[in-house]
Amino acid sequence: GSGLWTDRRGANLLDGGAPFYDTYECADGGFVAVGALEPQ
């Protein structure tokens, strides 16, 4: 309602659309979860 969310998958702040709120594969095939939302 505030224009901060798009009604499409993977295009938003909390649905994996933002690269700083997502999961990433590591050298051994494992994954890490990243939730670095705030600038600090």
Full PDB file with SEQRES, HELIX, SHEET, SSBOND, CRYST1, ORIGX, SCALE, CONECT and MASTER records, all heavy atoms in Angstrom:
SEQRES   1 A   40  GLY SER GLY LEU TRP THR ASP ARG ARG GLY ALA ASN LEU          
SEQRES   2 A   40  LEU ASP GLY GLY ALA PRO PHE TYR ASP THR TYR GLU CYS          
SEQRES   3 A   40  ALA ASP GLY GLY PHE VAL ALA VAL GLY ALA LEU GLU PRO          
SEQRES   4 A   40  GLN                                                          
SHEET    1 AA1 2 TYR A  21  GLU A  25  0                                        
SHEET    2 AA1 2 PHE A  31  GLY A  35 -1                                        
CRYST1    1.000    1.000    1.000  90.00  90.00  90.00 P 1           1          
ORIGX1      1.000000  0.000000  0.000000        0.00000                         
ORIGX2      0.000000  1.000000  0.000000        0.00000                         
ORIGX3      0.000000  0.000000  1.000000        0.00000                         
SCALE1      1.000000  0.000000  0.000000        0.00000                         
SCALE2      0.000000  1.000000  0.000000        0.00000                         
SCALE3      0.000000  0.000000  1.000000        0.00000                         
ATOM      1  N   GLY A   1       0.797  -1.220   0.000  1.00  0.00           N  
ATOM      2  CA  GLY A   1       0.000   0.000   0.000  1.00  0.00           C  
ATOM      3  C   GLY A   1       0.828   1.268   0.000  1.00  0.00           C  
ATOM      4  O   GLY A   1       0.342   2.343  -0.387  1.00  0.00           O  
ATOM      5  N   SER A   2       2.097   1.136   0.430  1.00  0.00           N  
ATOM      6  CA  SER A   2       2.983   2.307   0.458  1.00  0.00           C  
ATOM      7  C   SER A   2       3.861   2.406  -0.788  1.00  0.00           C  
ATOM      8  O   SER A   2       4.726   3.278  -0.866  1.00  0.00           O  
ATOM      9  CB  SER A   2       3.885   2.236   1.700  1.00  0.00           C  
ATOM     10  OG  SER A   2       3.115   2.197   2.876  1.00  0.00           O  
ATOM     11  N   GLY A   3       3.645   1.488  -1.723  1.00  0.00           N  
ATOM     12  CA  GLY A   3       4.439   1.511  -2.947  1.00  0.00           C  
ATOM     13  C   GLY A   3       5.825   0.927  -2.782  1.00  0.00           C  
ATOM     14  O   GLY A   3       6.687   1.106  -3.660  1.00  0.00           O  
ATOM     15  N   LEU A   4       6.053   0.212  -1.669  1.00  0.00           N  
ATOM     16  CA  LEU A   4       7.373  -0.368  -1.407  1.00  0.00           C  
ATOM     17  C   LEU A   4       7.449  -1.844  -1.762  1.00  0.00           C  
ATOM     18  O   LEU A   4       8.485  -2.467  -1.549  1.00  0.00           O  
ATOM     19  CB  LEU A   4       7.741  -0.173   0.067  1.00  0.00           C  
ATOM     20  CG  LEU A   4       7.806   1.282   0.548  1.00  0.00           C  
ATOM     21  CD1 LEU A   4       8.060   1.331   2.049  1.00  0.00           C  
ATOM     22  CD2 LEU A   4       8.889   2.038  -0.211  1.00  0.00           C  
ATOM     23  N   TRP A   5       6.363  -2.395  -2.288  1.00  0.00           N  
ATOM     24  CA  TRP A   5       6.323  -3.827  -2.629  1.00  0.00           C  
ATOM     25  C   TRP A   5       5.698  -3.984  -4.006  1.00  0.00           C  
ATOM     26  O   TRP A   5       4.665  -3.389  -4.299  1.00  0.00           O  
ATOM     27  CB  TRP A   5       5.503  -4.599  -1.597  1.00  0.00           C  
ATOM     28  CG  TRP A   5       5.638  -6.099  -1.715  1.00  0.00           C  
ATOM     29  CD1 TRP A   5       4.900  -6.932  -2.504  1.00  0.00           C  
ATOM     30  CD2 TRP A   5       6.551  -6.931  -1.009  1.00  0.00           C  
ATOM     31  NE1 TRP A   5       5.312  -8.223  -2.344  1.00  0.00           N  
ATOM     32  CE2 TRP A   5       6.322  -8.259  -1.426  1.00  0.00           C  
ATOM     33  CE3 TRP A   5       7.553  -6.692  -0.057  1.00  0.00           C  
ATOM     34  CZ2 TRP A   5       7.051  -9.348  -0.930  1.00  0.00           C  
ATOM     35  CZ3 TRP A   5       8.276  -7.766   0.437  1.00  0.00           C  
ATOM     36  CH2 TRP A   5       8.023  -9.072   0.002  1.00  0.00           C  
ATOM     37  N   THR A   6       6.319  -4.789  -4.826  1.00  0.00           N  
ATOM     38  CA  THR A   6       5.805  -5.106  -6.152  1.00  0.00           C  
ATOM     39  C   THR A   6       5.177  -6.489  -6.111  1.00  0.00           C  
ATOM     40  O   THR A   6       5.763  -7.417  -5.555  1.00  0.00           O  
ATOM     41  CB  THR A   6       6.942  -5.098  -7.189  1.00  0.00           C  
ATOM     42  OG1 THR A   6       7.553  -3.807  -7.194  1.00  0.00           O  
ATOM     43  CG2 THR A   6       6.406  -5.402  -8.581  1.00  0.00           C  
ATOM     44  N   ASP A   7       4.007  -6.624  -6.713  1.00  0.00           N  
ATOM     45  CA  ASP A   7       3.287  -7.893  -6.651  1.00  0.00           C  
ATOM     46  C   ASP A   7       3.864  -8.901  -7.645  1.00  0.00           C  
ATOM     47  O   ASP A   7       3.161  -9.456  -8.491  1.00  0.00           O  
ATOM     48  CB  ASP A   7       1.800  -7.653  -6.921  1.00  0.00           C  
ATOM     49  CG  ASP A   7       0.923  -8.772  -6.358  1.00  0.00           C  
ATOM     50  OD1 ASP A   7       1.472  -9.681  -5.717  1.00  0.00           O  
ATOM     51  OD2 ASP A   7      -0.300  -8.722  -6.569  1.00  0.00           O  
ATOM     52  N   ARG A   8       5.163  -9.120  -7.515  1.00  0.00           N  
ATOM     53  CA  ARG A   8       5.880 -10.095  -8.347  1.00  0.00           C  
ATOM     54  C   ARG A   8       6.892 -10.830  -7.474  1.00  0.00           C  
ATOM     55  O   ARG A   8       7.518 -10.221  -6.598  1.00  0.00           O  
ATOM     56  CB  ARG A   8       6.614  -9.411  -9.508  1.00  0.00           C  
ATOM     57  CG  ARG A   8       5.694  -8.838 -10.582  1.00  0.00           C  
ATOM     58  CD  ARG A   8       6.493  -8.262 -11.752  1.00  0.00           C  
ATOM     59  NE  ARG A   8       7.207  -7.039 -11.394  1.00  0.00           N  
ATOM     60  CZ  ARG A   8       8.522  -6.936 -11.277  1.00  0.00           C  
ATOM     61  NH1 ARG A   8       9.286  -8.004 -11.464  1.00  0.00           N  
ATOM     62  NH2 ARG A   8       9.088  -5.784 -10.958  1.00  0.00           N  
ATOM     63  N   ARG A   9       7.057 -12.124  -7.698  1.00  0.00           N  
ATOM     64  CA  ARG A   9       8.017 -12.910  -6.934  1.00  0.00           C  
ATOM     65  C   ARG A   9       9.450 -12.465  -7.201  1.00  0.00           C  
ATOM     66  O   ARG A   9       9.827 -12.135  -8.327  1.00  0.00           O  
ATOM     67  CB  ARG A   9       7.905 -14.402  -7.293  1.00  0.00           C  
ATOM     68  CG  ARG A   9       6.774 -15.120  -6.634  1.00  0.00           C  
ATOM     69  CD  ARG A   9       6.840 -16.619  -6.904  1.00  0.00           C  
ATOM     70  NE  ARG A   9       6.728 -16.947  -8.310  1.00  0.00           N  
ATOM     71  CZ  ARG A   9       5.613 -16.932  -9.011  1.00  0.00           C  
ATOM     72  NH1 ARG A   9       4.477 -16.597  -8.413  1.00  0.00           N  
ATOM     73  NH2 ARG A   9       5.612 -17.246 -10.286  1.00  0.00           N  
ATOM     74  N   GLY A  10      10.256 -12.511  -6.148  1.00  0.00           N  
ATOM     75  CA  GLY A  10      11.677 -12.267  -6.286  1.00  0.00           C  
ATOM     76  C   GLY A  10      12.047 -10.874  -6.738  1.00  0.00           C  
ATOM     77  O   GLY A  10      13.099 -10.674  -7.360  1.00  0.00           O  
ATOM     78  N   ALA A  11      11.198  -9.900  -6.405  1.00  0.00           N  
ATOM     79  CA  ALA A  11      11.457  -8.536  -6.869  1.00  0.00           C  
ATOM     80  C   ALA A  11      11.456  -7.530  -5.728  1.00  0.00           C  
ATOM     81  O   ALA A  11      11.480  -6.328  -5.976  1.00  0.00           O  
ATOM     82  CB  ALA A  11      10.405  -8.128  -7.909  1.00  0.00           C  
ATOM     83  N   ASN A  12      11.468  -8.028  -4.498  1.00  0.00           N  
ATOM     84  CA  ASN A  12      11.261  -7.143  -3.358  1.00  0.00           C  
ATOM     85  C   ASN A  12      12.325  -7.320  -2.284  1.00  0.00           C  
ATOM     86  O   ASN A  12      13.192  -8.189  -2.370  1.00  0.00           O  
ATOM     87  CB  ASN A  12       9.866  -7.402  -2.777  1.00  0.00           C  
ATOM     88  CG  ASN A  12       8.772  -7.140  -3.776  1.00  0.00           C  
ATOM     89  OD1 ASN A  12       8.437  -6.000  -4.065  1.00  0.00           O  
ATOM     90  ND2 ASN A  12       8.215  -8.206  -4.330  1.00  0.00           N  
ATOM     91  N   LEU A  13      12.199  -6.514  -1.273  1.00  0.00           N  
ATOM     92  CA  LEU A  13      13.213  -6.432  -0.240  1.00  0.00           C  
ATOM     93  C   LEU A  13      13.377  -7.731   0.538  1.00  0.00           C  
ATOM     94  O   LEU A  13      14.485  -8.115   0.915  1.00  0.00           O  
ATOM     95  CB  LEU A  13      12.865  -5.284   0.719  1.00  0.00           C  
ATOM     96  CG  LEU A  13      13.941  -4.805   1.685  1.00  0.00           C  
ATOM     97  CD1 LEU A  13      15.127  -4.236   0.920  1.00  0.00           C  
ATOM     98  CD2 LEU A  13      13.366  -3.752   2.636  1.00  0.00           C  
ATOM     99  N   LEU A  14      12.259  -8.444   0.802  1.00  0.00           N  
ATOM    100  CA  LEU A  14      12.304  -9.586   1.707  1.00  0.00           C  
ATOM    101  C   LEU A  14      12.025 -10.923   1.026  1.00  0.00           C  
ATOM    102  O   LEU A  14      11.847 -11.934   1.714  1.00  0.00           O  
ATOM    103  CB  LEU A  14      11.293  -9.377   2.849  1.00  0.00           C  
ATOM    104  CG  LEU A  14      11.479  -8.106   3.683  1.00  0.00           C  
ATOM    105  CD1 LEU A  14      10.360  -7.977   4.703  1.00  0.00           C  
ATOM    106  CD2 LEU A  14      12.830  -8.105   4.377  1.00  0.00           C  
ATOM    107  N   ASP A  15      11.961 -10.955  -0.286  1.00  0.00           N  
ATOM    108  CA  ASP A  15      11.619 -12.194  -0.989  1.00  0.00           C  
ATOM    109  C   ASP A  15      12.756 -12.727  -1.855  1.00  0.00           C  
ATOM    110  O   ASP A  15      12.539 -13.537  -2.761  1.00  0.00           O  
ATOM    111  CB  ASP A  15      10.368 -11.996  -1.849  1.00  0.00           C  
ATOM    112  CG  ASP A  15      10.550 -10.957  -2.953  1.00  0.00           C  
ATOM    113  OD1 ASP A  15      11.658 -10.383  -3.060  1.00  0.00           O  
ATOM    114  OD2 ASP A  15       9.584 -10.726  -3.708  1.00  0.00           O  
ATOM    115  N   GLY A  16      13.979 -12.296  -1.553  1.00  0.00           N  
ATOM    116  CA  GLY A  16      15.122 -12.716  -2.353  1.00  0.00           C  
ATOM    117  C   GLY A  16      15.434 -11.794  -3.505  1.00  0.00           C  
ATOM    118  O   GLY A  16      16.421 -12.000  -4.224  1.00  0.00           O  
ATOM    119  N   GLY A  17      14.617 -10.773  -3.680  1.00  0.00           N  
ATOM    120  CA  GLY A  17      14.882  -9.819  -4.761  1.00  0.00           C  
ATOM    121  C   GLY A  17      16.072  -8.928  -4.466  1.00  0.00           C  
ATOM    122  O   GLY A  17      16.819  -8.555  -5.365  1.00  0.00           O  
ATOM    123  N   ALA A  18      16.256  -8.597  -3.182  1.00  0.00           N  
ATOM    124  CA  ALA A  18      17.388  -7.766  -2.782  1.00  0.00           C  
ATOM    125  C   ALA A  18      18.610  -8.654  -2.557  1.00  0.00           C  
ATOM    126  O   ALA A  18      18.528  -9.653  -1.843  1.00  0.00           O  
ATOM    127  CB  ALA A  18      17.055  -6.998  -1.506  1.00  0.00           C  
ATOM    128  N   PRO A  19      19.760  -8.326  -3.139  1.00  0.00           N  
ATOM    129  CA  PRO A  19      20.941  -9.191  -2.999  1.00  0.00           C  
ATOM    130  C   PRO A  19      21.472  -9.280  -1.573  1.00  0.00           C  
ATOM    131  O   PRO A  19      22.188 -10.226  -1.246  1.00  0.00           O  
ATOM    132  CB  PRO A  19      21.962  -8.538  -3.932  1.00  0.00           C  
ATOM    133  CG  PRO A  19      21.491  -7.137  -4.132  1.00  0.00           C  
ATOM    134  CD  PRO A  19      20.003  -7.185  -4.030  1.00  0.00           C  
ATOM    135  N   PHE A  20      21.118  -8.337  -0.722  1.00  0.00           N  
ATOM    136  CA  PHE A  20      21.590  -8.360   0.661  1.00  0.00           C  
ATOM    137  C   PHE A  20      20.584  -9.034   1.594  1.00  0.00           C  
ATOM    138  O   PHE A  20      20.727  -8.980   2.805  1.00  0.00           O  
ATOM    139  CB  PHE A  20      21.895  -6.937   1.149  1.00  0.00           C  
ATOM    140  CG  PHE A  20      20.826  -5.931   0.804  1.00  0.00           C  
ATOM    141  CD1 PHE A  20      19.739  -5.743   1.629  1.00  0.00           C  
ATOM    142  CD2 PHE A  20      20.915  -5.175  -0.357  1.00  0.00           C  
ATOM    143  CE1 PHE A  20      18.747  -4.841   1.312  1.00  0.00           C  
ATOM    144  CE2 PHE A  20      19.925  -4.253  -0.683  1.00  0.00           C  
ATOM    145  CZ  PHE A  20      18.841  -4.089   0.147  1.00  0.00           C  
ATOM    146  N   TYR A  21      19.556  -9.680   1.024  1.00  0.00           N  
ATOM    147  CA  TYR A  21      18.603 -10.469   1.802  1.00  0.00           C  
ATOM    148  C   TYR A  21      18.288 -11.719   0.993  1.00  0.00           C  
ATOM    149  O   TYR A  21      17.261 -11.834   0.334  1.00  0.00           O  
ATOM    150  CB  TYR A  21      17.324  -9.672   2.086  1.00  0.00           C  
ATOM    151  CG  TYR A  21      16.499 -10.245   3.226  1.00  0.00           C  
ATOM    152  CD1 TYR A  21      16.712  -9.825   4.534  1.00  0.00           C  
ATOM    153  CD2 TYR A  21      15.512 -11.195   2.989  1.00  0.00           C  
ATOM    154  CE1 TYR A  21      15.964 -10.342   5.578  1.00  0.00           C  
ATOM    155  CE2 TYR A  21      14.759 -11.719   4.023  1.00  0.00           C  
ATOM    156  CZ  TYR A  21      14.988 -11.291   5.323  1.00  0.00           C  
ATOM    157  OH  TYR A  21      14.245 -11.813   6.359  1.00  0.00           O  
ATOM    158  N   ASP A  22      19.229 -12.667   1.037  1.00  0.00           N  
ATOM    159  CA  ASP A  22      19.125 -13.836   0.175  1.00  0.00           C  
ATOM    160  C   ASP A  22      20.070 -14.926   0.687  1.00  0.00           C  
ATOM    161  O   ASP A  22      20.733 -14.744   1.722  1.00  0.00           O  
ATOM    162  CB  ASP A  22      19.472 -13.459  -1.272  1.00  0.00           C  
ATOM    163  CG  ASP A  22      18.810 -14.389  -2.293  1.00  0.00           C  
ATOM    164  OD1 ASP A  22      18.276 -15.441  -1.895  1.00  0.00           O  
ATOM    165  OD2 ASP A  22      18.846 -14.065  -3.498  1.00  0.00           O  
ATOM    166  N   THR A  23      20.114 -16.034  -0.012  1.00  0.00           N  
ATOM    167  CA  THR A  23      21.043 -17.109   0.323  1.00  0.00           C  
ATOM    168  C   THR A  23      22.089 -17.232  -0.775  1.00  0.00           C  
ATOM    169  O   THR A  23      21.811 -16.958  -1.948  1.00  0.00           O  
ATOM    170  CB  THR A  23      20.319 -18.454   0.480  1.00  0.00           C  
ATOM    171  OG1 THR A  23      19.641 -18.772  -0.747  1.00  0.00           O  
ATOM    172  CG2 THR A  23      19.317 -18.391   1.621  1.00  0.00           C  
ATOM    173  N   TYR A  24      23.303 -17.678  -0.377  1.00  0.00           N  
ATOM    174  CA  TYR A  24      24.406 -17.805  -1.333  1.00  0.00           C  
ATOM    175  C   TYR A  24      25.129 -19.127  -1.140  1.00  0.00           C  
ATOM    176  O   TYR A  24      25.352 -19.580  -0.010  1.00  0.00           O  
ATOM    177  CB  TYR A  24      25.385 -16.639  -1.163  1.00  0.00           C  
ATOM    178  CG  TYR A  24      24.820 -15.325  -1.647  1.00  0.00           C  
ATOM    179  CD1 TYR A  24      24.150 -14.473  -0.756  1.00  0.00           C  
ATOM    180  CD2 TYR A  24      24.920 -14.955  -2.979  1.00  0.00           C  
ATOM    181  CE1 TYR A  24      23.606 -13.277  -1.196  1.00  0.00           C  
ATOM    182  CE2 TYR A  24      24.380 -13.754  -3.430  1.00  0.00           C  
ATOM    183  CZ  TYR A  24      23.725 -12.923  -2.536  1.00  0.00           C  
ATOM    184  OH  TYR A  24      23.177 -11.742  -2.983  1.00  0.00           O  
ATOM    185  N   GLU A  25      25.507 -19.720  -2.274  1.00  0.00           N  
ATOM    186  CA  GLU A  25      26.242 -20.974  -2.242  1.00  0.00           C  
ATOM    187  C   GLU A  25      27.708 -20.715  -1.922  1.00  0.00           C  
ATOM    188  O   GLU A  25      28.283 -19.701  -2.334  1.00  0.00           O  
ATOM    189  CB  GLU A  25      26.132 -21.694  -3.584  1.00  0.00           C  
ATOM    190  CG  GLU A  25      26.733 -23.089  -3.565  1.00  0.00           C  
ATOM    191  CD  GLU A  25      26.474 -23.869  -4.843  1.00  0.00           C  
ATOM    192  OE1 GLU A  25      25.882 -23.291  -5.780  1.00  0.00           O  
ATOM    193  OE2 GLU A  25      26.873 -25.052  -4.910  1.00  0.00           O  
ATOM    194  N   CYS A  26      28.294 -21.661  -1.196  1.00  0.00           N  
ATOM    195  CA  CYS A  26      29.693 -21.544  -0.797  1.00  0.00           C  
ATOM    196  C   CYS A  26      30.539 -22.602  -1.510  1.00  0.00           C  
ATOM    197  O   CYS A  26      30.027 -23.413  -2.293  1.00  0.00           O  
ATOM    198  CB  CYS A  26      29.823 -21.695   0.717  1.00  0.00           C  
ATOM    199  SG  CYS A  26      28.823 -20.491   1.647  1.00  0.00           S  
ATOM    200  N   ALA A  27      31.825 -22.596  -1.230  1.00  0.00           N  
ATOM    201  CA  ALA A  27      32.758 -23.445  -1.967  1.00  0.00           C  
ATOM    202  C   ALA A  27      32.460 -24.930  -1.813  1.00  0.00           C  
ATOM    203  O   ALA A  27      32.762 -25.729  -2.708  1.00  0.00           O  
ATOM    204  CB  ALA A  27      34.179 -23.154  -1.498  1.00  0.00           C  
ATOM    205  N   ASP A  28      31.885 -25.334  -0.703  1.00  0.00           N  
ATOM    206  CA  ASP A  28      31.622 -26.749  -0.446  1.00  0.00           C  
ATOM    207  C   ASP A  28      30.206 -27.171  -0.818  1.00  0.00           C  
ATOM    208  O   ASP A  28      29.788 -28.297  -0.536  1.00  0.00           O  
ATOM    209  CB  ASP A  28      31.868 -27.064   1.026  1.00  0.00           C  
ATOM    210  CG  ASP A  28      30.989 -26.228   1.955  1.00  0.00           C  
ATOM    211  OD1 ASP A  28      30.411 -25.220   1.486  1.00  0.00           O  
ATOM    212  OD2 ASP A  28      30.876 -26.573   3.148  1.00  0.00           O  
ATOM    213  N   GLY A  29      29.453 -26.284  -1.457  1.00  0.00           N  
ATOM    214  CA  GLY A  29      28.074 -26.593  -1.811  1.00  0.00           C  
ATOM    215  C   GLY A  29      27.076 -26.249  -0.732  1.00  0.00           C  
ATOM    216  O   GLY A  29      25.865 -26.368  -0.948  1.00  0.00           O  
ATOM    217  N   GLY A  30      27.564 -25.832   0.436  1.00  0.00           N  
ATOM    218  CA  GLY A  30      26.673 -25.363   1.488  1.00  0.00           C  
ATOM    219  C   GLY A  30      26.200 -23.952   1.186  1.00  0.00           C  
ATOM    220  O   GLY A  30      26.657 -23.309   0.234  1.00  0.00           O  
ATOM    221  N   PHE A  31      25.295 -23.461   2.023  1.00  0.00           N  
ATOM    222  CA  PHE A  31      24.739 -22.126   1.798  1.00  0.00           C  
ATOM    223  C   PHE A  31      24.807 -21.297   3.073  1.00  0.00           C  
ATOM    224  O   PHE A  31      24.833 -21.828   4.184  1.00  0.00           O  
ATOM    225  CB  PHE A  31      23.268 -22.222   1.355  1.00  0.00           C  
ATOM    226  CG  PHE A  31      23.096 -22.702  -0.059  1.00  0.00           C  
ATOM    227  CD1 PHE A  31      23.145 -24.056  -0.354  1.00  0.00           C  
ATOM    228  CD2 PHE A  31      22.901 -21.802  -1.097  1.00  0.00           C  
ATOM    229  CE1 PHE A  31      22.991 -24.511  -1.654  1.00  0.00           C  
ATOM    230  CE2 PHE A  31      22.747 -22.242  -2.396  1.00  0.00           C  
ATOM    231  CZ  PHE A  31      22.797 -23.607  -2.678  1.00  0.00           C  
ATOM    232  N   VAL A  32      24.847 -19.990   2.867  1.00  0.00           N  
ATOM    233  CA  VAL A  32      24.702 -19.048   3.973  1.00  0.00           C  
ATOM    234  C   VAL A  32      23.481 -18.176   3.708  1.00  0.00           C  
ATOM    235  O   VAL A  32      23.096 -17.952   2.556  1.00  0.00           O  
ATOM    236  CB  VAL A  32      25.949 -18.148   4.149  1.00  0.00           C  
ATOM    237  CG1 VAL A  32      27.145 -18.962   4.601  1.00  0.00           C  
ATOM    238  CG2 VAL A  32      26.249 -17.377   2.870  1.00  0.00           C  
ATOM    239  N   ALA A  33      22.866 -17.717   4.790  1.00  0.00           N  
ATOM    240  CA  ALA A  33      21.744 -16.795   4.705  1.00  0.00           C  
ATOM    241  C   ALA A  33      22.243 -15.400   5.053  1.00  0.00           C  
ATOM    242  O   ALA A  33      22.936 -15.219   6.056  1.00  0.00           O  
ATOM    243  CB  ALA A  33      20.639 -17.218   5.662  1.00  0.00           C  
ATOM    244  N   VAL A  34      21.895 -14.430   4.227  1.00  0.00           N  
ATOM    245  CA  VAL A  34      22.326 -13.047   4.418  1.00  0.00           C  
ATOM    246  C   VAL A  34      21.099 -12.181   4.647  1.00  0.00           C  
ATOM    247  O   VAL A  34      20.163 -12.190   3.842  1.00  0.00           O  
ATOM    248  CB  VAL A  34      23.118 -12.540   3.199  1.00  0.00           C  
ATOM    249  CG1 VAL A  34      23.479 -11.065   3.367  1.00  0.00           C  
ATOM    250  CG2 VAL A  34      24.364 -13.385   2.994  1.00  0.00           C  
ATOM    251  N   GLY A  35      21.096 -11.431   5.760  1.00  0.00           N  
ATOM    252  CA  GLY A  35      19.979 -10.542   6.064  1.00  0.00           C  
ATOM    253  C   GLY A  35      20.449  -9.150   6.441  1.00  0.00           C  
ATOM    254  O   GLY A  35      19.959  -8.554   7.402  1.00  0.00           O  
ATOM    255  N   ALA A  36      21.401  -8.627   5.667  1.00  0.00           N  
ATOM    256  CA  ALA A  36      22.036  -7.341   5.991  1.00  0.00           C  
ATOM    257  C   ALA A  36      21.188  -6.176   5.485  1.00  0.00           C  
ATOM    258  O   ALA A  36      21.577  -5.450   4.564  1.00  0.00           O  
ATOM    259  CB  ALA A  36      23.440  -7.296   5.394  1.00  0.00           C  
ATOM    260  N   LEU A  37      20.042  -5.968   6.097  1.00  0.00           N  
ATOM    261  CA  LEU A  37      19.112  -4.942   5.626  1.00  0.00           C  
ATOM    262  C   LEU A  37      19.577  -3.523   5.936  1.00  0.00           C  
ATOM    263  O   LEU A  37      19.595  -2.657   5.052  1.00  0.00           O  
ATOM    264  CB  LEU A  37      17.735  -5.180   6.238  1.00  0.00           C  
ATOM    265  CG  LEU A  37      16.920  -6.355   5.684  1.00  0.00           C  
ATOM    266  CD1 LEU A  37      15.689  -6.584   6.543  1.00  0.00           C  
ATOM    267  CD2 LEU A  37      16.514  -6.080   4.239  1.00  0.00           C  
ATOM    268  N   GLU A  38      19.938  -3.267   7.190  1.00  0.00           N  
ATOM    269  CA  GLU A  38      20.304  -1.909   7.586  1.00  0.00           C  
ATOM    270  C   GLU A  38      21.700  -1.567   7.055  1.00  0.00           C  
ATOM    271  O   GLU A  38      22.564  -2.445   6.918  1.00  0.00           O  
ATOM    272  CB  GLU A  38      20.256  -1.776   9.102  1.00  0.00           C  
ATOM    273  CG  GLU A  38      18.836  -1.820   9.668  1.00  0.00           C  
ATOM    274  CD  GLU A  38      18.266  -3.227   9.794  1.00  0.00           C  
ATOM    275  OE1 GLU A  38      18.989  -4.208   9.474  1.00  0.00           O  
ATOM    276  OE2 GLU A  38      17.106  -3.359  10.201  1.00  0.00           O  
ATOM    277  N   PRO A  39      21.945  -0.280   6.766  1.00  0.00           N  
ATOM    278  CA  PRO A  39      23.231   0.123   6.185  1.00  0.00           C  
ATOM    279  C   PRO A  39      24.436  -0.309   7.007  1.00  0.00           C  
ATOM    280  O   PRO A  39      25.457  -0.724   6.448  1.00  0.00           O  
ATOM    281  CB  PRO A  39      23.118   1.652   6.117  1.00  0.00           C  
ATOM    282  CG  PRO A  39      21.648   1.912   5.975  1.00  0.00           C  
ATOM    283  CD  PRO A  39      20.990   0.859   6.812  1.00  0.00           C  
ATOM    284  N   GLN A  40      24.354  -0.236   8.334  1.00  0.00           N  
ATOM    285  CA  GLN A  40      25.494  -0.629   9.157  1.00  0.00           C  
ATOM    286  C   GLN A  40      25.754  -2.130   9.069  1.00  0.00           C  
ATOM    287  O   GLN A  40      26.912  -2.580   9.131  1.00  0.00           O  
ATOM    288  CB  GLN A  40      25.312  -0.184  10.617  1.00  0.00           C  
ATOM    289  CG  GLN A  40      24.194  -0.862  11.377  1.00  0.00           C  
ATOM    290  CD  GLN A  40      22.852  -0.158  11.230  1.00  0.00           C  
ATOM    291  OE1 GLN A  40      22.585   0.473  10.205  1.00  0.00           O  
ATOM    292  NE2 GLN A  40      22.011  -0.268  12.261  1.00  0.00           N  
TER     293      GLN A  40                                                      
MASTER        0    0    0    0    2    0    0    6  292    1    0    4          
END                                                                             
